């Protein structure tokens, strides 16, 4: 495991369990940015843009290699919210269907975007937090005949519950409901295979388990759906021929690039491309196996009633959420021992990645034992 740890800059502030927020920076990031971004800019050559655009193309290809798809089905976005906004504006009308179904457990930023869709004539309907989101019966009841689109979070930020995305998407497809999947807390730790997916659209981010830094989000569109989506938020890179330069003619790109827009940001995608390739080389299954080994070690040392996340590792993502009585005191103990974590309404969030080792978990368990004395 030390070999994998050596691939990342360690935290200078303690034992890092915050991957659900920001993944640690790969040691190769500076070299990648220098070679693929800064050196070209520094040179002042006339062909800087072709090099930079190739860097973005590599981002799409890196995602395709990781998620078993085609690069043409990916389009860079600033973040999940931005990509989701563009998708909602582009959705085709469906007579008699104007409801968007989501859940109260979705990340609030996505909820804010979905609420704005009511200005387009949609109605937002939220499945309550009391519902079992892992049960298909819950979704079968929610996906009624008036539903146009279902927003499905693959791994929930608050409990880290893993939802059966492909089964829900299959149900959506049978009922002519567009499925949009949020993979932000899943990509990089949960294996995702899009080669024969039932999902229509994915929105995701590279800042967490992919260790790609901020600003590198993405959308993926099922090839069967691309031609039906007509985005409003366009620019010259949304054009089938960006370098045509005819103000009287616009033709949507034939692939997911139609969602790209104007002059693109480059640096975040070059940084993220390097990170995605690194995680792919390590292997998602390797990351997941290591995560589960450490997670089980943690769960075995914690009272069952303090575990908020699903106890079954097959039903959760990479983060474990714990909640204790007098938790403020436990958090003080953890901070004194330089454990880096965060807390939300449901409890403390703790995320072991490939750069986490057993000593980090044992330090955490010692803090918990001290608190429970």
Protein backbone atom coordinates (compact mmCIF):
# COMPACT_ATOMS: atom_id res chain seq x y z
CA UNK A 1 0.00 0.00 0.00
CA UNK A 2 2.92 2.36 0.60
CA UNK A 3 3.55 2.45 -3.15
CA UNK A 4 0.09 3.88 -3.75
CA UNK A 5 0.47 6.36 -0.91
CA UNK A 6 3.66 7.64 -2.51
CA UNK A 7 1.67 8.66 -5.61
CA UNK A 8 -0.12 11.42 -3.67
CA UNK A 9 0.95 14.45 -1.67
CA UNK A 10 0.13 13.63 1.96
CA UNK A 11 -1.82 16.14 4.00
CA UNK A 12 0.47 18.47 5.95
CA UNK A 13 -2.20 18.86 8.62
CA UNK A 14 -2.98 15.34 9.77
CA UNK A 15 -4.60 12.03 8.89
CA UNK A 16 -6.77 12.75 5.86
CA UNK A 17 -10.31 11.33 5.79
CA UNK A 18 -11.92 14.06 3.67
CA UNK A 19 -11.94 12.51 0.20
CA UNK A 20 -15.73 12.90 0.04
CA UNK A 21 -14.96 16.64 -0.10
CA UNK A 22 -11.61 16.91 -1.91
CA UNK A 23 -9.28 14.13 -2.99
CA UNK A 24 -5.60 14.57 -2.25
CA UNK A 25 -3.38 15.91 -5.02
CA UNK A 26 -1.34 13.41 -7.05
CA UNK A 27 2.40 14.05 -7.06
CA UNK A 28 2.29 13.92 -10.86
CA UNK A 29 -0.09 16.90 -11.10
CA UNK A 30 2.56 19.62 -11.31
CA UNK A 31 4.43 17.82 -14.08
CA UNK A 32 1.23 17.22 -16.02
CA UNK A 33 0.21 20.87 -15.77
CA UNK A 34 3.68 21.98 -16.79
CA UNK A 35 3.91 19.68 -19.78
CA UNK A 36 0.36 20.08 -21.08
CA UNK A 37 -0.61 23.60 -20.07
CA UNK A 38 2.07 25.95 -18.72
CA UNK A 39 4.88 25.03 -21.12
CA UNK A 40 2.70 25.70 -24.16
CA UNK A 41 1.50 29.01 -22.74
CA UNK A 42 5.04 29.99 -21.75
CA UNK A 43 6.33 29.30 -25.25
CA UNK A 44 4.17 31.96 -26.87
CA UNK A 45 3.87 29.77 -29.97
CA UNK A 46 1.09 30.13 -32.53
CA UNK A 47 -0.22 26.62 -31.91
CA UNK A 48 -1.00 26.89 -28.19
CA UNK A 49 -4.73 26.23 -28.58
CA UNK A 50 -4.38 22.93 -30.48
CA UNK A 51 -2.20 21.62 -27.65
CA UNK A 52 -4.65 22.81 -25.01
CA UNK A 53 -7.66 21.39 -26.82
CA UNK A 54 -5.86 18.09 -27.12
CA UNK A 55 -5.55 18.20 -23.33
CA UNK A 56 -9.33 18.52 -23.02
CA UNK A 57 -9.80 15.70 -25.51
CA UNK A 58 -7.58 13.60 -23.27
CA UNK A 59 -9.91 14.43 -20.36
CA UNK A 60 -12.88 13.03 -22.30
CA UNK A 61 -10.88 9.97 -23.29
CA UNK A 62 -9.69 9.39 -19.72
CA UNK A 63 -13.31 9.42 -18.53
CA UNK A 64 -14.28 7.06 -21.35
CA UNK A 65 -11.53 4.62 -20.38
CA UNK A 66 -12.52 4.77 -16.72
CA UNK A 67 -16.26 4.42 -17.26
CA UNK A 68 -16.30 2.06 -20.24
CA UNK A 69 -17.78 4.40 -22.84
CA UNK A 70 -16.86 6.61 -25.80
CA UNK A 71 -15.10 9.97 -25.50
CA UNK A 72 -17.69 11.54 -27.82
CA UNK A 73 -20.38 10.95 -25.17
CA UNK A 74 -18.63 13.16 -22.59
CA UNK A 75 -18.56 16.93 -22.40
CA UNK A 76 -16.59 18.98 -19.85
CA UNK A 77 -18.56 21.13 -17.42
CA UNK A 78 -17.54 23.39 -14.56
CA UNK A 79 -19.46 21.37 -11.96
CA UNK A 80 -22.49 19.15 -11.46
CA UNK A 81 -24.92 22.05 -11.00
CA UNK A 82 -23.86 23.73 -14.22
CA UNK A 83 -24.11 20.53 -16.22
CA UNK A 84 -27.52 19.76 -14.72
CA UNK A 85 -28.80 23.24 -15.57
CA UNK A 86 -27.80 22.84 -19.21
CA UNK A 87 -29.46 19.43 -19.38
CA UNK A 88 -32.77 20.63 -17.98
CA UNK A 89 -32.96 23.40 -20.57
CA UNK A 90 -32.31 20.93 -23.37
CA UNK A 91 -34.82 18.21 -22.43
CA UNK A 92 -37.42 17.50 -25.12
CA UNK A 93 -41.08 18.01 -24.25
CA UNK A 94 -43.26 15.00 -23.46
CA UNK A 95 -47.03 15.58 -23.65
CA UNK A 96 -48.74 14.87 -20.33
CA UNK A 97 -45.42 14.64 -18.50
CA UNK A 98 -44.12 17.65 -16.55
CA UNK A 99 -42.91 16.25 -13.20
CA UNK A 100 -39.30 15.92 -12.16
CA UNK A 101 -38.79 13.35 -9.38
CA UNK A 102 -35.86 13.71 -7.00
CA UNK A 103 -35.33 13.02 -3.29
CA UNK A 104 -34.94 15.06 -0.13
CA UNK A 105 -31.61 13.28 0.38
CA UNK A 106 -30.04 14.64 -2.82
CA UNK A 107 -27.26 17.19 -2.53
CA UNK A 108 -28.94 20.58 -1.98
CA UNK A 109 -27.12 22.24 -4.89
CA UNK A 110 -28.80 19.83 -7.29
CA UNK A 111 -32.13 20.50 -5.59
CA UNK A 112 -31.69 24.24 -6.12
CA UNK A 113 -31.16 23.66 -9.85
CA UNK A 114 -34.11 21.28 -10.15
CA UNK A 115 -36.37 23.81 -8.42
CA UNK A 116 -35.52 26.37 -11.08
CA UNK A 117 -36.93 23.99 -13.69
CA UNK A 118 -40.38 24.98 -12.46
CA UNK A 119 -39.82 28.20 -14.43
CA UNK A 120 -39.75 25.98 -17.53
CA UNK A 121 -43.13 24.45 -16.70
CA UNK A 122 -41.94 21.47 -14.68
CA UNK A 123 -43.12 20.50 -11.20
CA UNK A 124 -40.55 19.19 -8.74
CA UNK A 125 -41.68 16.26 -6.61
CA UNK A 126 -39.38 15.04 -3.83
CA UNK A 127 -39.34 11.55 -2.37
CA UNK A 128 -39.11 12.05 1.44
CA UNK A 129 -36.08 11.12 3.51
CA UNK A 130 -38.20 8.54 5.34
CA UNK A 131 -38.52 6.44 2.17
CA UNK A 132 -36.22 3.50 1.43
CA UNK A 133 -34.36 4.75 -1.63
CA UNK A 134 -32.67 1.39 -2.14
CA UNK A 135 -36.03 -0.33 -2.63
CA UNK A 136 -37.34 -0.47 -6.19
CA UNK A 137 -40.89 -0.34 -4.81
CA UNK A 138 -40.21 3.22 -3.64
CA UNK A 139 -39.23 4.26 -7.16
CA UNK A 140 -42.03 2.32 -8.83
CA UNK A 141 -44.54 4.31 -6.79
CA UNK A 142 -42.78 7.64 -7.40
CA UNK A 143 -42.36 7.19 -11.15
CA UNK A 144 -45.97 7.75 -12.10
CA UNK A 145 -47.32 8.47 -15.57
CA UNK A 146 -46.89 12.25 -15.23
CA UNK A 147 -43.14 12.02 -14.57
CA UNK A 148 -40.88 13.44 -17.26
CA UNK A 149 -37.47 13.07 -15.59
CA UNK A 150 -36.01 11.26 -12.59
CA UNK A 151 -32.93 12.64 -10.87
CA UNK A 152 -31.09 9.73 -9.24
CA UNK A 153 -28.17 10.15 -6.86
CA UNK A 154 -25.90 7.14 -7.06
CA UNK A 155 -24.25 7.68 -3.66
CA UNK A 156 -25.88 10.07 -1.19
CA UNK A 157 -23.67 12.64 0.50
CA UNK A 158 -25.50 12.53 3.84
CA UNK A 159 -25.66 8.77 4.56
CA UNK A 160 -23.48 7.40 1.73
CA UNK A 161 -26.27 5.06 0.75
CA UNK A 162 -25.78 3.46 -2.68
CA UNK A 163 -28.89 3.38 -4.86
CA UNK A 164 -29.54 0.70 -7.53
CA UNK A 165 -29.08 3.14 -10.40
CA UNK A 166 -29.24 0.73 -13.32
CA UNK A 167 -32.44 -0.90 -12.08
CA UNK A 168 -34.10 2.46 -11.51
CA UNK A 169 -32.95 3.67 -14.93
CA UNK A 170 -34.35 0.51 -16.52
CA UNK A 171 -37.67 1.25 -14.85
CA UNK A 172 -37.51 4.83 -16.17
CA UNK A 173 -36.81 3.63 -19.69
CA UNK A 174 -39.81 1.31 -19.63
CA UNK A 175 -42.01 4.27 -18.62
CA UNK A 176 -40.56 6.85 -21.05
CA UNK A 177 -38.94 8.78 -18.21
CA UNK A 178 -35.57 10.48 -18.72
CA UNK A 179 -33.02 9.43 -16.11
CA UNK A 180 -30.31 11.82 -14.91
CA UNK A 181 -27.77 10.28 -12.54
CA UNK A 182 -25.51 12.20 -10.15
CA UNK A 183 -22.24 10.29 -9.78
CA UNK A 184 -20.27 12.93 -7.82
CA UNK A 185 -19.80 10.77 -4.69
CA UNK A 186 -19.40 7.55 -6.67
CA UNK A 187 -16.96 8.11 -9.53
CA UNK A 188 -13.52 6.86 -8.55
CA UNK A 189 -14.56 4.43 -5.83
CA UNK A 190 -17.69 2.68 -7.18
CA UNK A 191 -17.18 0.71 -10.42
CA UNK A 192 -19.30 2.24 -13.21
CA UNK A 193 -19.76 0.56 -16.60
CA UNK A 194 -21.55 2.69 -19.20
CA UNK A 195 -20.94 0.35 -22.12
CA UNK A 196 -24.53 -0.90 -22.02
CA UNK A 197 -26.17 1.41 -19.52
CA UNK A 198 -29.89 2.07 -19.09
CA UNK A 199 -29.09 5.60 -17.90
CA UNK A 200 -29.82 8.54 -20.18
CA UNK A 201 -27.59 11.24 -18.67
CA UNK A 202 -24.85 11.35 -16.05
CA UNK A 203 -23.50 14.41 -14.29
CA UNK A 204 -20.29 14.11 -12.30
CA UNK A 205 -17.26 15.73 -10.78
CA UNK A 206 -13.55 14.93 -10.48
CA UNK A 207 -12.77 16.77 -7.24
CA UNK A 208 -13.55 13.91 -4.84
CA UNK A 209 -12.55 10.26 -5.35
CA UNK A 210 -10.90 11.01 -8.70
CA UNK A 211 -8.54 13.49 -6.99
CA UNK A 212 -8.82 15.81 -9.98
CA UNK A 213 -9.25 19.17 -8.30
CA UNK A 214 -12.09 21.73 -8.64
CA UNK A 215 -13.58 22.96 -11.88
CA UNK A 216 -13.53 19.65 -13.76
CA UNK A 217 -17.08 18.41 -13.93
CA UNK A 218 -18.63 16.51 -16.81
CA UNK A 219 -21.80 15.26 -18.43
CA UNK A 220 -22.26 11.95 -20.20
CA UNK A 221 -25.12 11.39 -22.61
CA UNK A 222 -26.45 8.08 -23.85
CA UNK A 223 -25.73 7.91 -27.58
CA UNK A 224 -29.41 7.21 -28.28
CA UNK A 225 -30.41 10.54 -26.71
CA UNK A 226 -27.82 13.02 -27.98
CA UNK A 227 -29.69 14.13 -31.11
CA UNK A 228 -32.86 14.79 -29.07
CA UNK A 229 -31.16 17.30 -26.75
CA UNK A 230 -31.04 20.90 -27.96
CA UNK A 231 -29.13 23.06 -25.45
CA UNK A 232 -29.81 26.80 -25.16
CA UNK A 233 -26.49 27.52 -23.48
CA UNK A 234 -24.22 27.23 -26.52
CA UNK A 235 -21.14 28.82 -28.01
CA UNK A 236 -18.74 28.25 -30.82
CA UNK A 237 -17.47 25.00 -29.33
CA UNK A 238 -21.05 23.68 -29.38
CA UNK A 239 -20.95 24.01 -33.18
CA UNK A 240 -20.42 21.05 -35.46
CA UNK A 241 -17.63 23.10 -37.06
CA UNK A 242 -16.33 25.59 -34.44
CA UNK A 243 -13.97 27.21 -36.91
CA UNK A 244 -16.53 27.93 -39.61
CA UNK A 245 -17.02 31.48 -38.26
CA UNK A 246 -20.33 32.12 -40.05
CA UNK A 247 -22.57 34.13 -37.74
CA UNK A 248 -25.61 33.20 -39.84
CA UNK A 249 -25.16 29.46 -39.41
CA UNK A 250 -25.18 27.29 -36.31
CA UNK A 251 -25.37 23.51 -36.31
CA UNK A 252 -25.25 21.48 -33.12
CA UNK A 253 -22.24 19.24 -32.74
CA UNK A 254 -23.22 15.66 -33.44
CA UNK A 255 -21.92 14.45 -30.11
CA UNK A 256 -21.95 15.58 -26.46
CA UNK A 257 -19.78 18.59 -27.38
CA UNK A 258 -23.00 20.44 -28.19
CA UNK A 259 -23.10 21.17 -24.44
CA UNK A 260 -19.61 22.68 -24.37
CA UNK A 261 -20.34 26.37 -25.01
CA UNK A 262 -17.95 29.23 -25.67
CA UNK A 263 -14.18 29.50 -25.31
CA UNK A 264 -13.44 26.68 -22.86
CA UNK A 265 -11.55 26.50 -19.63
CA UNK A 266 -8.56 24.22 -20.03
CA UNK A 267 -6.40 24.00 -16.91
CA UNK A 268 -8.89 22.07 -14.67
CA UNK A 269 -9.38 19.38 -17.30
CA UNK A 270 -5.67 18.86 -17.86
CA UNK A 271 -5.18 18.47 -14.11
CA UNK A 272 -8.14 16.11 -13.84
CA UNK A 273 -7.09 14.07 -16.87
CA UNK A 274 -3.83 13.21 -15.16
CA UNK A 275 -5.67 12.19 -11.98
CA UNK A 276 -8.26 10.08 -13.80
CA UNK A 277 -5.51 8.19 -15.61
CA UNK A 278 -3.78 7.59 -12.28
CA UNK A 279 -6.92 6.19 -10.64
CA UNK A 280 -7.58 4.06 -13.73
CA UNK A 281 -4.04 2.67 -13.58
CA UNK A 282 -4.45 1.85 -9.89
CA UNK A 283 -7.83 0.28 -10.68
CA UNK A 284 -11.26 1.11 -9.31
CA UNK A 285 -11.59 -2.39 -7.89
CA UNK A 286 -8.28 -1.94 -6.07
CA UNK A 287 -9.50 1.36 -4.61
CA UNK A 288 -12.82 -0.19 -3.62
CA UNK A 289 -11.26 -3.28 -2.04
CA UNK A 290 -8.86 -1.15 0.01
CA UNK A 291 -11.68 1.17 1.04
CA UNK A 292 -13.85 -1.74 2.15
CA UNK A 293 -11.04 -3.36 4.11
CA UNK A 294 -10.46 -0.18 6.09
CA UNK A 295 -14.19 0.53 6.38
CA UNK A 296 -14.87 -2.91 7.82
CA UNK A 297 -12.01 -2.42 10.29
CA UNK A 298 -13.68 0.81 11.38
CA UNK A 299 -17.21 -0.63 11.59
CA UNK A 300 -16.01 -3.62 13.62
CA UNK A 301 -14.81 -1.23 16.32
CA UNK A 302 -17.86 1.02 16.50
CA UNK A 303 -21.14 0.40 18.36
CA UNK A 304 -23.78 -0.59 15.83
CA UNK A 305 -26.17 2.15 16.93
CA UNK A 306 -23.58 4.80 16.03
CA UNK A 307 -23.36 3.74 12.37
CA UNK A 308 -25.53 5.93 10.11
CA UNK A 309 -24.33 4.52 6.78
CA UNK A 310 -25.63 1.15 5.55
CA UNK A 311 -23.91 -1.65 7.46
CA UNK A 312 -23.73 -3.81 4.35
CA UNK A 313 -20.66 -2.64 2.39
CA UNK A 314 -22.39 -3.63 -0.86
CA UNK A 315 -25.05 -1.01 -0.19
CA UNK A 316 -22.80 2.00 0.45
CA UNK A 317 -20.19 4.13 -1.27
CA UNK A 318 -16.75 4.93 0.08
CA UNK A 319 -17.69 7.20 2.98
CA UNK A 320 -18.77 6.09 6.44
CA UNK A 321 -21.06 8.31 8.50
CA UNK A 322 -21.00 7.94 12.29
CA UNK A 323 -22.98 9.71 14.99
CA UNK A 324 -22.36 9.57 18.76
CA UNK A 325 -23.81 11.04 21.93
CA UNK A 326 -21.85 14.10 23.01
CA UNK A 327 -20.26 14.09 19.59
CA UNK A 328 -18.68 17.51 20.08
CA UNK A 329 -16.38 15.99 22.70
CA UNK A 330 -15.39 13.16 20.37
CA UNK A 331 -14.67 15.64 17.60
CA UNK A 332 -12.41 17.59 19.95
CA UNK A 333 -10.48 14.40 20.71
CA UNK A 334 -10.18 13.64 17.01
CA UNK A 335 -8.97 17.13 16.20
CA UNK A 336 -6.38 16.91 18.98
CA UNK A 337 -5.11 13.75 17.28
CA UNK A 338 -5.01 15.54 13.92
CA UNK A 339 -7.74 13.52 12.24
CA UNK A 340 -9.24 15.44 9.33
CA UNK A 341 -12.98 14.90 8.80
CA UNK A 342 -16.19 16.90 8.61
CA UNK A 343 -19.66 16.76 10.14
CA UNK A 344 -23.10 17.24 8.69
CA UNK A 345 -26.62 16.87 10.03
CA UNK A 346 -26.43 13.08 9.99
CA UNK A 347 -23.01 12.78 11.61
CA UNK A 348 -19.28 12.68 10.95
CA UNK A 349 -18.15 11.79 7.43
CA UNK A 350 -15.00 9.68 7.08
CA UNK A 351 -13.58 8.58 3.74
CA UNK A 352 -10.59 6.21 3.46
CA UNK A 353 -9.01 6.29 0.00
CA UNK A 354 -6.07 4.42 -1.51
CA UNK A 355 -3.69 6.74 0.36
CA UNK A 356 -5.25 5.89 3.75
CA UNK A 357 -3.70 3.11 5.83
CA UNK A 358 -4.62 1.03 8.86
CA UNK A 359 -2.79 3.37 11.24
CA UNK A 360 -5.23 6.14 10.28
CA UNK A 361 -8.21 3.94 11.10
CA UNK A 362 -6.62 2.69 14.31
CA UNK A 363 -6.00 6.27 15.43
CA UNK A 364 -9.66 7.00 14.79
CA UNK A 365 -10.75 3.91 16.71
CA UNK A 366 -8.53 4.90 19.66
CA UNK A 367 -10.27 8.28 19.75
CA UNK A 368 -13.67 6.60 19.73
CA UNK A 369 -12.68 4.19 22.52
CA UNK A 370 -11.42 7.10 24.59
CA UNK A 371 -14.74 8.90 24.08
CA UNK A 372 -16.82 5.85 24.99
CA UNK A 373 -15.00 5.13 28.30
